[in-house]
Amino acid sequence: MNYITLFETIKGYCENDFPNTQFGDPTAANATFTSKEQVDTFIQQAEQRIYNSVQFPAIRKNVTGTTVTSNKYLSAPSDFLAVYSMAVIKGDGSYEYMLNKDVNFIRAAYPNPSTTGTPRYYALFGPTTINANPPVITDEYSFILGPTPDAAYSVELHYYYYPESITVASDGRTWLGDNFDTLLLYASLLEAYTFMKGEPDVLANYEKRYNEALILAKRLGDGMERQDAYRAGQFRMEVK
């Protein structure tokens, strides 16, 4: 299901064109809240709900960064949500995966920042702070490493993020829309019909259909995509 089909299907199910709602100064450039903006918000909220319910491989990607000698902090990507894995890439190309700890552990294990070496541990430190007067706290996260890097190491971070929304995709298509359009549709209808303050029985039916689609999605994302027949054997149903 592409974006245009999803957009029109949501309006059709809800029997609502979500007409323009004007607010603020009518002469201002942003004075009109269009039906597209409303429906796009429903879709984006639906995508966020799904991506936080099923760990599809489609919501993971990896980047490579470089540590700074004698600097125990490493900035996270701007679209970072959570870590999947983090590894130091040595000079010979081999990977040494770091262990996830909390900040207290790293502070206690390496109380002196001048203790350097190949990083073995990492922790999510918190928002990145830019040195200024007063200090500027950004929206981006950073990691603290232990021990403090003694050289400029390449680091590969595999992490979770929110993929590009179908509402802004250049071709109007995403992995979710192509492979689980039922889940995306009913999640969007839940948001749209809640906005409309619709009939409770209709809302309950949308939620039921969403939960049914979610079960199938979790079977794929949290089940089938994490095993194969060689290691886990083929799926078998009991014959009675």
C-alpha atoms as a PDB file:
ATOM      1  CA  MET A   1       0.000   0.000   0.000  1.00  0.00           C
ATOM      2  CA  ASN A   2       1.484   3.313  -1.042  1.00  0.00           C
ATOM      3  CA  TYR A   3       0.900   6.663   0.636  1.00  0.00           C
ATOM      4  CA  ILE A   4      -1.894   7.876  -1.646  1.00  0.00           C
ATOM      5  CA  THR A   5      -3.852   4.640  -1.211  1.00  0.00           C
ATOM      6  CA  LEU A   6      -3.368   4.755   2.566  1.00  0.00           C
ATOM      7  CA  PHE A   7      -4.401   8.420   2.708  1.00  0.00           C
ATOM      8  CA  GLU A   8      -7.606   7.861   0.742  1.00  0.00           C
ATOM      9  CA  THR A   9      -8.445   4.623   2.581  1.00  0.00           C
ATOM     10  CA  ILE A  10      -8.230   6.347   5.971  1.00  0.00           C
ATOM     11  CA  LYS A  11     -10.624   9.076   4.813  1.00  0.00           C
ATOM     12  CA  GLY A  12     -12.921   6.469   3.293  1.00  0.00           C
ATOM     13  CA  TYR A  13     -13.114   4.309   6.434  1.00  0.00           C
ATOM     14  CA  CYS A  14     -13.693   7.348   8.634  1.00  0.00           C
ATOM     15  CA  GLU A  15     -16.117   8.926   6.132  1.00  0.00           C
ATOM     16  CA  ASN A  16     -14.337  12.165   6.848  1.00  0.00           C
ATOM     17  CA  ASP A  17     -12.379  14.427   4.503  1.00  0.00           C
ATOM     18  CA  PHE A  18     -10.789  16.119   7.538  1.00  0.00           C
ATOM     19  CA  PRO A  19     -11.460  19.603   6.137  1.00  0.00           C
ATOM     20  CA  ASN A  20      -9.101  22.501   6.662  1.00  0.00           C
ATOM     21  CA  THR A  21      -9.190  24.026  10.133  1.00  0.00           C
ATOM     22  CA  GLN A  22      -7.998  27.612  10.345  1.00  0.00           C
ATOM     23  CA  PHE A  23      -6.237  28.898  13.429  1.00  0.00           C
ATOM     24  CA  GLY A  24      -4.150  31.886  14.420  1.00  0.00           C
ATOM     25  CA  ASP A  25      -3.661  34.878  12.173  1.00  0.00           C
ATOM     26  CA  PRO A  26      -5.566  34.131   8.917  1.00  0.00           C
ATOM     27  CA  THR A  27      -2.970  36.158   6.983  1.00  0.00           C
ATOM     28  CA  ALA A  28      -0.046  34.117   8.307  1.00  0.00           C
ATOM     29  CA  ALA A  29       1.629  31.611   6.019  1.00  0.00           C
ATOM     30  CA  ASN A  30       0.935  28.751   8.440  1.00  0.00           C
ATOM     31  CA  ALA A  31      -2.620  29.744   9.339  1.00  0.00           C
ATOM     32  CA  THR A  32      -4.278  26.731   7.725  1.00  0.00           C
ATOM     33  CA  PHE A  33      -4.071  23.213   9.079  1.00  0.00           C
ATOM     34  CA  THR A  34      -4.778  21.074   6.033  1.00  0.00           C
ATOM     35  CA  SER A  35      -6.385  17.650   5.847  1.00  0.00           C
ATOM     36  CA  LYS A  36      -3.066  16.267   4.590  1.00  0.00           C
ATOM     37  CA  GLU A  37      -1.294  17.506   7.711  1.00  0.00           C
ATOM     38  CA  GLN A  38      -3.976  15.974   9.921  1.00  0.00           C
ATOM     39  CA  VAL A  39      -3.928  12.570   8.245  1.00  0.00           C
ATOM     40  CA  ASP A  40      -0.129  12.595   8.068  1.00  0.00           C
ATOM     41  CA  THR A  41      -0.040  13.082  11.840  1.00  0.00           C
ATOM     42  CA  PHE A  42      -2.296  10.043  12.309  1.00  0.00           C
ATOM     43  CA  ILE A  43      -0.025   7.955  10.072  1.00  0.00           C
ATOM     44  CA  GLN A  44       3.182   9.092  11.777  1.00  0.00           C
ATOM     45  CA  GLN A  45       1.739   8.334  15.225  1.00  0.00           C
ATOM     46  CA  ALA A  46       0.674   4.909  13.930  1.00  0.00           C
ATOM     47  CA  GLU A  47       4.169   4.193  12.599  1.00  0.00           C
ATOM     48  CA  GLN A  48       5.690   5.158  15.937  1.00  0.00           C
ATOM     49  CA  ARG A  49       3.269   2.858  17.778  1.00  0.00           C
ATOM     50  CA  ILE A  50       4.180  -0.062  15.494  1.00  0.00           C
ATOM     51  CA  TYR A  51       7.940   0.480  15.608  1.00  0.00           C
ATOM     52  CA  ASN A  52       7.802   0.458  19.407  1.00  0.00           C
ATOM     53  CA  SER A  53       5.764  -2.769  19.416  1.00  0.00           C
ATOM     54  CA  VAL A  54       7.715  -4.964  16.963  1.00  0.00           C
ATOM     55  CA  GLN A  55      11.484  -5.138  16.502  1.00  0.00           C
ATOM     56  CA  PHE A  56      11.616  -5.452  12.726  1.00  0.00           C
ATOM     57  CA  PRO A  57      15.117  -5.548  11.212  1.00  0.00           C
ATOM     58  CA  ALA A  58      13.829  -2.658   9.083  1.00  0.00           C
ATOM     59  CA  ILE A  59      14.155  -0.341  12.102  1.00  0.00           C
ATOM     60  CA  ARG A  60      17.873  -1.056  12.516  1.00  0.00           C
ATOM     61  CA  LYS A  61      20.853   0.448  10.739  1.00  0.00           C
ATOM     62  CA  ASN A  62      24.537   0.898  11.385  1.00  0.00           C
ATOM     63  CA  VAL A  63      27.078   3.697  11.224  1.00  0.00           C
ATOM     64  CA  THR A  64      30.828   3.904  11.712  1.00  0.00           C
ATOM     65  CA  GLY A  65      32.422   6.621  13.802  1.00  0.00           C
ATOM     66  CA  THR A  66      35.827   7.369  15.279  1.00  0.00           C
ATOM     67  CA  THR A  67      36.827   7.929  18.880  1.00  0.00           C
ATOM     68  CA  VAL A  68      39.045  10.842  19.882  1.00  0.00           C
ATOM     69  CA  THR A  69      42.247  10.056  21.743  1.00  0.00           C
ATOM     70  CA  SER A  70      41.909  10.808  25.481  1.00  0.00           C
ATOM     71  CA  ASN A  71      38.202  11.673  25.068  1.00  0.00           C
ATOM     72  CA  LYS A  72      35.894   9.197  26.816  1.00  0.00           C
ATOM     73  CA  TYR A  73      32.739  10.494  25.128  1.00  0.00           C
ATOM     74  CA  LEU A  74      31.279   9.499  21.754  1.00  0.00           C
ATOM     75  CA  SER A  75      28.312  11.231  20.128  1.00  0.00           C
ATOM     76  CA  ALA A  76      25.289   9.207  19.020  1.00  0.00           C
ATOM     77  CA  PRO A  77      23.648   9.663  15.585  1.00  0.00           C
ATOM     78  CA  SER A  78      20.907  12.274  15.394  1.00  0.00           C
ATOM     79  CA  ASP A  79      18.231   9.612  14.714  1.00  0.00           C
ATOM     80  CA  PHE A  80      19.432   7.260  17.469  1.00  0.00           C
ATOM     81  CA  LEU A  81      16.812   5.483  19.619  1.00  0.00           C
ATOM     82  CA  ALA A  82      18.549   2.497  21.223  1.00  0.00           C
ATOM     83  CA  VAL A  83      21.671   0.360  20.846  1.00  0.00           C
ATOM     84  CA  TYR A  84      21.627  -2.997  19.085  1.00  0.00           C
ATOM     85  CA  SER A  85      25.396  -3.507  19.329  1.00  0.00           C
ATOM     86  CA  MET A  86      28.627  -1.510  19.448  1.00  0.00           C
ATOM     87  CA  ALA A  87      32.071  -2.738  18.435  1.00  0.00           C
ATOM     88  CA  VAL A  88      35.611  -1.428  18.189  1.00  0.00           C
ATOM     89  CA  ILE A  89      37.203  -2.188  14.813  1.00  0.00           C
ATOM     90  CA  LYS A  90      40.886  -2.922  15.324  1.00  0.00           C
ATOM     91  CA  GLY A  91      43.679  -2.135  12.913  1.00  0.00           C
ATOM     92  CA  ASP A  92      43.591  -5.642  11.446  1.00  0.00           C
ATOM     93  CA  GLY A  93      39.862  -5.291  10.701  1.00  0.00           C
ATOM     94  CA  SER A  94      38.711  -7.584  13.519  1.00  0.00           C
ATOM     95  CA  TYR A  95      35.717  -6.633  15.637  1.00  0.00           C
ATOM     96  CA  GLU A  96      35.751  -6.480  19.430  1.00  0.00           C
ATOM     97  CA  TYR A  97      32.241  -5.973  20.769  1.00  0.00           C
ATOM     98  CA  MET A  98      31.925  -3.732  23.796  1.00  0.00           C
ATOM     99  CA  LEU A  99      29.731  -4.611  26.767  1.00  0.00           C
ATOM    100  CA  ASN A 100      26.834  -2.374  27.730  1.00  0.00           C
ATOM    101  CA  LYS A 101      27.058  -1.075  31.303  1.00  0.00           C
ATOM    102  CA  ASP A 102      25.660   1.873  33.196  1.00  0.00           C
ATOM    103  CA  VAL A 103      27.486   5.122  33.840  1.00  0.00           C
ATOM    104  CA  ASN A 104      28.087   4.221  37.509  1.00  0.00           C
ATOM    105  CA  PHE A 105      29.966   1.053  36.529  1.00  0.00           C
ATOM    106  CA  ILE A 106      32.293   2.883  34.149  1.00  0.00           C
ATOM    107  CA  ARG A 107      32.926   5.683  36.639  1.00  0.00           C
ATOM    108  CA  ALA A 108      33.743   3.131  39.360  1.00  0.00           C
ATOM    109  CA  ALA A 109      35.851   0.846  37.135  1.00  0.00           C
ATOM    110  CA  TYR A 110      37.826   3.740  35.636  1.00  0.00           C
ATOM    111  CA  PRO A 111      37.703   6.573  38.204  1.00  0.00           C
ATOM    112  CA  ASN A 112      40.687   8.294  36.624  1.00  0.00           C
ATOM    113  CA  PRO A 113      39.860   9.572  33.100  1.00  0.00           C
ATOM    114  CA  SER A 114      43.563   9.411  32.263  1.00  0.00           C
ATOM    115  CA  THR A 115      43.402   5.596  32.430  1.00  0.00           C
ATOM    116  CA  THR A 116      43.463   4.772  28.736  1.00  0.00           C
ATOM    117  CA  GLY A 117      43.278   1.705  26.529  1.00  0.00           C
ATOM    118  CA  THR A 118      41.036  -0.032  24.024  1.00  0.00           C
ATOM    119  CA  PRO A 119      37.417   0.664  25.089  1.00  0.00           C
ATOM    120  CA  ARG A 120      35.737  -2.454  26.500  1.00  0.00           C
ATOM    121  CA  TYR A 121      32.525  -0.968  27.924  1.00  0.00           C
ATOM    122  CA  TYR A 122      30.043   1.714  26.975  1.00  0.00           C
ATOM    123  CA  ALA A 123      27.025   3.358  28.567  1.00  0.00           C
ATOM    124  CA  LEU A 124      24.374   5.750  27.339  1.00  0.00           C
ATOM    125  CA  PHE A 125      25.515   8.935  29.051  1.00  0.00           C
ATOM    126  CA  GLY A 126      22.703  11.344  28.213  1.00  0.00           C
ATOM    127  CA  PRO A 127      22.217  14.483  26.123  1.00  0.00           C
ATOM    128  CA  THR A 128      25.315  15.925  24.477  1.00  0.00           C
ATOM    129  CA  THR A 129      26.474  19.186  26.041  1.00  0.00           C
ATOM    130  CA  ILE A 130      28.223  21.874  24.012  1.00  0.00           C
ATOM    131  CA  ASN A 131      30.846  23.848  25.887  1.00  0.00           C
ATOM    132  CA  ALA A 132      29.563  27.386  26.180  1.00  0.00           C
ATOM    133  CA  ASN A 133      28.641  29.901  28.839  1.00  0.00           C
ATOM    134  CA  PRO A 134      26.127  28.776  29.904  1.00  0.00           C
ATOM    135  CA  PRO A 135      26.519  25.173  28.593  1.00  0.00           C
ATOM    136  CA  VAL A 136      24.118  24.202  25.784  1.00  0.00           C
ATOM    137  CA  ILE A 137      22.329  20.865  26.163  1.00  0.00           C
ATOM    138  CA  THR A 138      21.384  19.412  22.770  1.00  0.00           C
ATOM    139  CA  ASP A 139      18.686  16.943  21.759  1.00  0.00           C
ATOM    140  CA  GLU A 140      21.282  14.309  20.838  1.00  0.00           C
ATOM    141  CA  TYR A 141      22.611  11.540  23.073  1.00  0.00           C
ATOM    142  CA  SER A 142      26.212  10.610  23.774  1.00  0.00           C
ATOM    143  CA  PHE A 143      28.032   7.533  25.069  1.00  0.00           C
ATOM    144  CA  ILE A 144      30.697   7.258  27.744  1.00  0.00           C
ATOM    145  CA  LEU A 145      33.452   4.700  27.091  1.00  0.00           C
ATOM    146  CA  GLY A 146      35.653   2.759  29.467  1.00  0.00           C
ATOM    147  CA  PRO A 147      38.554   2.938  29.533  1.00  0.00           C
ATOM    148  CA  THR A 148      39.208   6.265  27.841  1.00  0.00           C
ATOM    149  CA  PRO A 149      40.415   5.579  24.255  1.00  0.00           C
ATOM    150  CA  ASP A 150      44.193   5.680  23.901  1.00  0.00           C
ATOM    151  CA  ALA A 151      43.944   6.131  20.130  1.00  0.00           C
ATOM    152  CA  ALA A 152      41.506   7.022  17.365  1.00  0.00           C
ATOM    153  CA  TYR A 153      39.513   3.787  17.037  1.00  0.00           C
ATOM    154  CA  SER A 154      36.863   3.062  14.429  1.00  0.00           C
ATOM    155  CA  VAL A 155      33.608   2.144  16.132  1.00  0.00           C
ATOM    156  CA  GLU A 156      30.637   0.464  14.471  1.00  0.00           C
ATOM    157  CA  LEU A 157      27.269   1.177  16.044  1.00  0.00           C
ATOM    158  CA  HIS A 158      24.258  -0.936  15.092  1.00  0.00           C
ATOM    159  CA  TYR A 159      21.168   0.842  16.410  1.00  0.00           C
ATOM    160  CA  TYR A 160      17.403   1.256  16.337  1.00  0.00           C
ATOM    161  CA  TYR A 161      15.850   4.284  14.668  1.00  0.00           C
ATOM    162  CA  TYR A 162      12.553   5.425  13.174  1.00  0.00           C
ATOM    163  CA  PRO A 163      12.648   4.762   9.413  1.00  0.00           C
ATOM    164  CA  GLU A 164      11.483   7.457   7.024  1.00  0.00           C
ATOM    165  CA  SER A 165       7.739   7.914   7.271  1.00  0.00           C
ATOM    166  CA  ILE A 166       5.582   6.896   4.340  1.00  0.00           C
ATOM    167  CA  THR A 167       4.182  10.444   4.479  1.00  0.00           C
ATOM    168  CA  VAL A 168       7.482  11.903   3.259  1.00  0.00           C
ATOM    169  CA  ALA A 169       8.938   9.014   1.231  1.00  0.00           C
ATOM    170  CA  SER A 170       9.819  10.262  -2.245  1.00  0.00           C
ATOM    171  CA  ASP A 171       8.109   7.292  -3.942  1.00  0.00           C
ATOM    172  CA  GLY A 172       5.295   7.060  -1.386  1.00  0.00           C
ATOM    173  CA  ARG A 173       6.399   3.590  -0.294  1.00  0.00           C
ATOM    174  CA  THR A 174       8.083   2.077   2.763  1.00  0.00           C
ATOM    175  CA  TRP A 175       8.917  -1.424   3.958  1.00  0.00           C
ATOM    176  CA  LEU A 176       6.019  -1.288   6.419  1.00  0.00           C
ATOM    177  CA  GLY A 177       3.518  -0.134   3.805  1.00  0.00           C
ATOM    178  CA  ASP A 178       4.649  -2.792   1.341  1.00  0.00           C
ATOM    179  CA  ASN A 179       4.740  -5.715   3.790  1.00  0.00           C
ATOM    180  CA  PHE A 180       2.257  -4.953   6.580  1.00  0.00           C
ATOM    181  CA  ASP A 181      -0.267  -2.517   5.163  1.00  0.00           C
ATOM    182  CA  THR A 182      -3.090  -3.970   7.303  1.00  0.00           C
ATOM    183  CA  LEU A 183      -1.186  -3.157  10.475  1.00  0.00           C
ATOM    184  CA  LEU A 184      -0.360   0.353   9.282  1.00  0.00           C
ATOM    185  CA  LEU A 185      -3.938   0.995   8.174  1.00  0.00           C
ATOM    186  CA  TYR A 186      -5.617  -0.051  11.424  1.00  0.00           C
ATOM    187  CA  ALA A 187      -3.029   1.705  13.576  1.00  0.00           C
ATOM    188  CA  SER A 188      -3.740   4.883  11.564  1.00  0.00           C
ATOM    189  CA  LEU A 189      -7.503   4.392  11.888  1.00  0.00           C
ATOM    190  CA  LEU A 190      -7.128   4.117  15.663  1.00  0.00           C
ATOM    191  CA  GLU A 191      -5.439   7.512  15.723  1.00  0.00           C
ATOM    192  CA  ALA A 192      -7.899   9.083  13.280  1.00  0.00           C
ATOM    193  CA  TYR A 193     -11.036   7.753  14.934  1.00  0.00           C
ATOM    194  CA  THR A 194      -9.792   8.720  18.399  1.00  0.00           C
ATOM    195  CA  PHE A 195      -9.299  12.241  17.045  1.00  0.00           C
ATOM    196  CA  MET A 196     -12.878  12.176  15.747  1.00  0.00           C
ATOM    197  CA  LYS A 197     -14.184  10.981  19.131  1.00  0.00           C
ATOM    198  CA  GLY A 198     -15.966   8.255  17.188  1.00  0.00           C
ATOM    199  CA  GLU A 199     -18.390   5.573  18.309  1.00  0.00           C
ATOM    200  CA  PRO A 200     -16.886   3.278  20.985  1.00  0.00           C
ATOM    201  CA  ASP A 201     -17.971   0.062  19.207  1.00  0.00           C
ATOM    202  CA  VAL A 202     -16.321   1.130  15.937  1.00  0.00           C
ATOM    203  CA  LEU A 203     -13.167   2.143  17.786  1.00  0.00           C
ATOM    204  CA  ALA A 204     -13.163  -1.206  19.585  1.00  0.00           C
ATOM    205  CA  ASN A 205     -13.441  -3.007  16.253  1.00  0.00           C
ATOM    206  CA  TYR A 206     -10.489  -1.045  14.826  1.00  0.00           C
ATOM    207  CA  GLU A 207      -8.467  -1.908  17.919  1.00  0.00           C
ATOM    208  CA  LYS A 208      -9.384  -5.589  17.566  1.00  0.00           C
ATOM    209  CA  ARG A 209      -8.283  -5.623  13.930  1.00  0.00           C
ATOM    210  CA  TYR A 210      -5.083  -3.781  14.849  1.00  0.00           C
ATOM    211  CA  ASN A 211      -4.248  -6.311  17.573  1.00  0.00           C
ATOM    212  CA  GLU A 212      -4.879  -9.215  15.172  1.00  0.00           C
ATOM    213  CA  ALA A 213      -2.491  -7.669  12.632  1.00  0.00           C
ATOM    214  CA  LEU A 214       0.023  -6.946  15.390  1.00  0.00           C
ATOM    215  CA  ILE A 215       0.136 -10.634  16.365  1.00  0.00           C
ATOM    216  CA  LEU A 216       1.054 -11.549  12.788  1.00  0.00           C
ATOM    217  CA  ALA A 217       3.657  -8.785  12.652  1.00  0.00           C
ATOM    218  CA  LYS A 218       5.280  -9.934  15.893  1.00  0.00           C
ATOM    219  CA  ARG A 219       5.320 -13.500  14.549  1.00  0.00           C
ATOM    220  CA  LEU A 220       7.456 -12.204  11.700  1.00  0.00           C
ATOM    221  CA  GLY A 221       9.581  -9.510  13.371  1.00  0.00           C
ATOM    222  CA  ASP A 222      10.109 -11.165  16.751  1.00  0.00           C
ATOM    223  CA  GLY A 223       9.904 -14.768  15.531  1.00  0.00           C
ATOM    224  CA  MET A 224      10.493 -15.873  11.946  1.00  0.00           C
ATOM    225  CA  GLU A 225      13.159 -13.260  11.201  1.00  0.00           C
ATOM    226  CA  ARG A 226      15.187 -14.425  14.213  1.00  0.00           C
ATOM    227  CA  GLN A 227      15.521 -18.117  13.329  1.00  0.00           C
ATOM    228  CA  ASP A 228      15.780 -20.560  10.440  1.00  0.00           C
ATOM    229  CA  ALA A 229      14.918 -24.206   9.780  1.00  0.00           C
ATOM    230  CA  TYR A 230      18.539 -25.348  10.139  1.00  0.00           C
ATOM    231  CA  ARG A 231      18.882 -24.099  13.733  1.00  0.00           C
ATOM    232  CA  ALA A 232      15.300 -24.177  14.983  1.00  0.00           C
ATOM    233  CA  GLY A 233      13.666 -26.826  12.791  1.00  0.00           C
ATOM    234  CA  GLN A 234      10.592 -26.375  10.664  1.00  0.00           C
ATOM    235  CA  PHE A 235       7.385 -25.107  12.215  1.00  0.00           C
ATOM    236  CA  ARG A 236       5.042 -27.953  13.093  1.00  0.00           C
ATOM    237  CA  MET A 237       1.387 -27.953  14.068  1.00  0.00           C
ATOM    238  CA  GLU A 238       0.114 -30.703  16.300  1.00  0.00           C
ATOM    239  CA  VAL A 239      -1.999 -33.254  14.427  1.00  0.00           C
ATOM    240  CA  LYS A 240      -4.952 -34.603  16.399  1.00  0.00           C
END
